[in-house]
Protein backbone atom coordinates (compact mmCIF):
# COMPACT_ATOMS: atom_id res chain seq x y z
CA MET A 1 -31.49 -65.98 -2.15
CA LYS A 2 -30.50 -63.15 0.54
CA TRP A 3 -29.63 -59.71 -1.18
CA ASP A 4 -26.25 -59.74 -0.23
CA LEU A 5 -25.54 -62.91 -1.17
CA ALA A 6 -27.39 -62.07 -4.91
CA LEU A 7 -25.50 -58.77 -4.95
CA LYS A 8 -22.15 -60.28 -5.01
CA GLN A 9 -23.19 -62.93 -7.91
CA PHE A 10 -24.66 -60.41 -9.48
CA ASP A 11 -21.15 -58.80 -9.32
CA GLY A 12 -19.17 -61.71 -10.58
CA TYR A 13 -21.89 -62.31 -13.52
CA LEU A 14 -21.41 -58.50 -14.60
CA ARG A 15 -17.52 -59.28 -14.80
CA LEU A 16 -17.03 -62.76 -15.67
CA GLU A 17 -20.31 -63.47 -18.32
CA ARG A 18 -20.74 -60.16 -19.53
CA GLY A 19 -17.30 -58.58 -19.50
CA MET A 20 -18.26 -55.36 -18.20
CA SER A 21 -15.75 -52.87 -17.16
CA PRO A 22 -15.08 -52.52 -13.60
CA ASN A 23 -16.89 -48.94 -13.18
CA THR A 24 -19.81 -49.86 -15.03
CA VAL A 25 -20.32 -53.30 -12.84
CA SER A 26 -19.81 -50.68 -9.83
CA ALA A 27 -22.25 -48.58 -11.14
CA TYR A 28 -24.74 -51.35 -11.81
CA VAL A 29 -24.06 -53.12 -8.32
CA ARG A 30 -24.85 -49.53 -6.81
CA ASP A 31 -28.34 -49.17 -8.47
CA VAL A 32 -29.12 -52.68 -7.24
CA GLU A 33 -27.92 -51.78 -3.89
CA ALA A 34 -30.34 -49.29 -4.11
CA LEU A 35 -33.11 -51.53 -4.70
CA ALA A 36 -32.04 -54.18 -2.15
CA LEU A 37 -32.17 -51.40 0.41
CA TRP A 38 -35.69 -50.25 -0.69
CA CYS A 39 -36.92 -53.73 -0.98
CA VAL A 40 -35.49 -55.34 2.62
CA GLU A 41 -37.47 -52.36 4.28
CA ARG A 42 -40.55 -54.12 3.16
CA ASP A 43 -39.32 -57.83 3.43
CA ARG A 44 -39.53 -58.31 -0.26
CA SER A 45 -36.82 -60.92 -1.80
CA ALA A 46 -35.52 -60.51 -5.51
CA ALA A 47 -37.65 -63.85 -6.29
CA LYS A 48 -40.97 -62.20 -5.30
CA VAL A 49 -40.46 -58.23 -5.52
CA SER A 50 -43.29 -57.75 -8.46
CA ALA A 51 -43.08 -55.50 -11.41
CA GLU A 52 -45.63 -52.93 -9.16
CA GLU A 53 -43.14 -52.84 -6.90
CA LEU A 54 -40.27 -52.27 -8.36
CA ARG A 55 -42.26 -49.18 -10.51
CA GLU A 56 -43.40 -47.75 -6.76
CA ALA A 57 -39.67 -48.15 -5.86
CA ILE A 58 -38.38 -46.19 -9.13
CA ARG A 59 -40.72 -43.50 -8.43
CA GLU A 60 -40.20 -42.92 -5.05
CA MET A 61 -36.39 -42.30 -6.02
CA ALA A 62 -36.95 -39.92 -8.43
CA GLU A 63 -39.17 -37.66 -6.04
CA GLY A 64 -36.55 -38.06 -3.68
CA GLY A 65 -34.44 -36.37 -6.98
CA LEU A 66 -33.07 -38.73 -9.01
CA ASN A 67 -33.02 -37.50 -12.27
CA ALA A 68 -34.05 -38.91 -15.48
CA ARG A 69 -30.87 -40.17 -16.78
CA SER A 70 -29.96 -42.02 -13.37
CA GLN A 71 -33.46 -43.47 -13.24
CA ALA A 72 -32.81 -44.78 -17.12
CA ARG A 73 -29.62 -46.10 -15.58
CA ARG A 74 -31.05 -47.33 -12.34
CA LEU A 75 -34.04 -49.28 -14.26
CA SER A 76 -31.00 -50.69 -17.12
CA ALA A 77 -29.01 -52.33 -14.17
CA TRP A 78 -32.60 -53.76 -12.67
CA ARG A 79 -33.04 -55.26 -15.64
CA ALA A 80 -29.50 -56.86 -16.09
CA PHE A 81 -30.32 -57.99 -12.26
CA PHE A 82 -33.26 -59.57 -12.97
CA GLY A 83 -32.31 -61.51 -16.19
CA PHE A 84 -29.47 -63.12 -14.00
CA VAL A 85 -31.78 -63.86 -11.50
CA ARG A 86 -34.03 -65.62 -14.06
CA GLU A 87 -31.00 -67.72 -15.38
CA GLU A 88 -30.02 -68.44 -12.19
CA GLY A 89 -33.83 -70.22 -11.76
CA LEU A 90 -35.08 -68.09 -8.91
CA ARG A 91 -38.08 -66.75 -10.61
CA GLU A 92 -39.74 -67.20 -14.28
CA ASP A 93 -40.47 -63.49 -15.24
CA GLN A 94 -38.51 -60.51 -15.58
CA PRO A 95 -40.33 -57.93 -13.79
CA ALA A 96 -38.06 -55.07 -14.44
CA LEU A 97 -38.82 -55.98 -18.42
CA SER A 98 -42.24 -53.99 -18.00
CA LEU A 99 -41.28 -50.53 -16.53
CA ASP A 100 -40.42 -47.58 -19.49
CA LEU A 101 -37.31 -46.10 -19.62
CA PRO A 102 -38.19 -42.54 -18.72
CA SER A 103 -37.06 -40.20 -22.09
CA LEU A 104 -34.40 -38.00 -21.87
CA PRO A 105 -33.44 -35.10 -23.49
CA LYS A 106 -30.64 -35.52 -26.29
CA ARG A 107 -27.71 -33.19 -25.23
CA LEU A 108 -25.43 -31.98 -27.69
CA PRO A 109 -21.88 -32.94 -27.72
CA VAL A 110 -19.25 -30.80 -25.00
CA TYR A 111 -16.28 -29.60 -26.53
CA LEU A 112 -13.61 -27.66 -25.98
CA ALA A 113 -12.71 -24.24 -27.37
CA GLU A 114 -9.22 -23.95 -28.78
CA ASP A 115 -8.33 -21.35 -26.07
CA GLU A 116 -9.32 -24.27 -23.72
CA VAL A 117 -7.14 -26.41 -24.98
CA GLN A 118 -4.44 -24.08 -25.45
CA ALA A 119 -5.00 -23.50 -21.81
CA LEU A 120 -4.28 -27.45 -21.06
CA PHE A 121 -1.05 -27.53 -22.62
CA ASP A 122 0.12 -24.41 -21.02
CA ALA A 123 -0.48 -25.59 -17.73
CA ILE A 124 1.91 -28.54 -18.27
CA ASP A 125 5.28 -28.04 -16.26
CA ARG A 126 8.01 -28.46 -19.18
CA SER A 127 10.76 -28.81 -16.90
CA GLN A 128 9.42 -31.98 -15.21
CA PRO A 129 10.45 -35.14 -16.04
CA MET A 130 6.72 -36.47 -17.11
CA ALA A 131 5.95 -33.50 -19.45
CA GLU A 132 6.63 -35.22 -22.50
CA ARG A 133 4.42 -37.90 -21.25
CA ASP A 134 1.46 -35.34 -20.57
CA VAL A 135 1.74 -33.59 -23.79
CA ALA A 136 1.28 -36.67 -25.77
CA VAL A 137 -1.83 -37.83 -23.77
CA LEU A 138 -3.30 -34.35 -24.15
CA GLU A 139 -2.03 -34.27 -28.34
CA VAL A 140 -3.97 -38.02 -28.62
CA LEU A 141 -7.15 -37.28 -26.01
CA TYR A 142 -8.12 -34.13 -28.28
CA GLY A 143 -6.45 -34.87 -31.73
CA CYS A 144 -8.10 -38.66 -31.85
CA GLY A 145 -11.36 -37.70 -29.63
CA LEU A 146 -10.88 -40.37 -27.44
CA ARG A 147 -12.33 -41.57 -24.27
CA VAL A 148 -10.18 -41.35 -21.00
CA SER A 149 -10.84 -44.91 -20.58
CA GLU A 150 -10.26 -45.83 -24.19
CA LEU A 151 -6.76 -44.05 -23.56
CA ILE A 152 -5.55 -45.80 -20.64
CA GLU A 153 -6.36 -49.07 -22.30
CA LEU A 154 -3.99 -47.92 -25.41
CA ARG A 155 -1.10 -49.56 -26.18
CA VAL A 156 2.04 -48.74 -28.83
CA ARG A 157 1.17 -52.00 -30.80
CA ASP A 158 -2.38 -50.01 -31.81
CA VAL A 159 -0.65 -47.30 -33.41
CA PHE A 160 -0.11 -47.71 -36.58
CA ALA A 161 2.17 -44.35 -37.39
CA SER A 162 2.78 -45.16 -41.27
CA ASP A 163 -1.40 -45.40 -41.79
CA GLY A 164 -1.78 -42.35 -39.64
CA VAL A 165 -4.37 -44.37 -37.25
CA VAL A 166 -4.67 -45.69 -33.91
CA ARG A 167 -6.72 -48.86 -33.28
CA VAL A 168 -8.93 -47.95 -30.04
CA VAL A 169 -10.83 -50.57 -27.96
CA GLY A 170 -14.29 -48.70 -26.70
CA LYS A 171 -17.29 -49.52 -24.80
CA GLY A 172 -18.19 -53.29 -24.68
CA ASP A 173 -14.67 -54.40 -26.11
CA LYS A 174 -16.22 -52.58 -29.08
CA GLU A 175 -12.77 -52.20 -31.16
CA ARG A 176 -12.73 -49.06 -34.19
CA VAL A 177 -9.90 -47.54 -36.09
CA VAL A 178 -9.65 -43.53 -35.77
CA PRO A 179 -7.16 -41.06 -37.77
CA ILE A 180 -4.59 -39.97 -35.65
CA HIS A 181 -2.61 -36.59 -36.78
CA ASP A 182 1.44 -36.00 -37.36
CA THR A 183 1.65 -33.96 -34.12
CA ALA A 184 0.15 -36.76 -31.73
CA LEU A 185 2.35 -39.11 -33.58
CA ARG A 186 5.53 -36.96 -32.75
CA ALA A 187 4.67 -36.44 -29.20
CA ILE A 188 4.24 -40.16 -28.74
CA ALA A 189 7.65 -40.61 -30.36
CA ARG A 190 9.18 -38.12 -27.94
CA TYR A 191 7.47 -39.64 -25.19
CA GLN A 192 9.02 -42.60 -26.11
CA SER A 193 12.47 -41.82 -26.22
CA SER A 194 13.02 -39.79 -23.46
CA GLU A 195 11.94 -40.72 -19.65
CA ARG A 196 9.79 -43.59 -20.90
CA VAL A 197 12.64 -45.19 -21.14
CA HIS A 198 13.22 -45.12 -17.35
CA LEU A 199 9.54 -46.53 -16.63
CA ASP A 200 8.47 -50.01 -15.60
CA PRO A 201 7.04 -51.53 -19.32
CA GLN A 202 4.40 -53.11 -17.75
CA ARG A 203 2.53 -49.80 -16.49
CA GLY A 204 1.28 -47.43 -19.16
CA PHE A 205 1.75 -47.23 -22.52
CA GLU A 206 3.36 -49.86 -23.86
């Protein structure tokens, strides 16, 4: 199988069979594309490239400036790709499994100070029609500790105001319930009762 066809089929496999988010799919495909370019220069197909060659590829990429975190993500993508190649019957082994993931330094969570959060709220132009939306977005992000991708997928039916909780679907479609503060609930209510009534209900926080 040629690399361009393999990449196209791998993209579909990640989306349809693995159910990965579009952002994750794009990142994985880019990481495998980097390997494809390396292999094409050496006339190596996905069915023939060896574990030792994969090790050499990631070493050269590291020497070229690829940091440890990016190396780990790239190797994870390669493992997923060669798992797919094996499922397709193009090879019997999984060469990427023999490569060790680089150890990553533990990072403390990054958070905003109270004055930085207040600065975000102060930056909202309250005279604009969508001001209530922006306030609700910040209140939910800050008050519930959500990822932006999680907020985008949030719907009114996921907010249980009487219980003071929100149902959130995160990475890998994993569902969790998080508390929501009264301030955020009031911001959502103001947004619902104001300009939101003029919006297409299929677009955004429905």
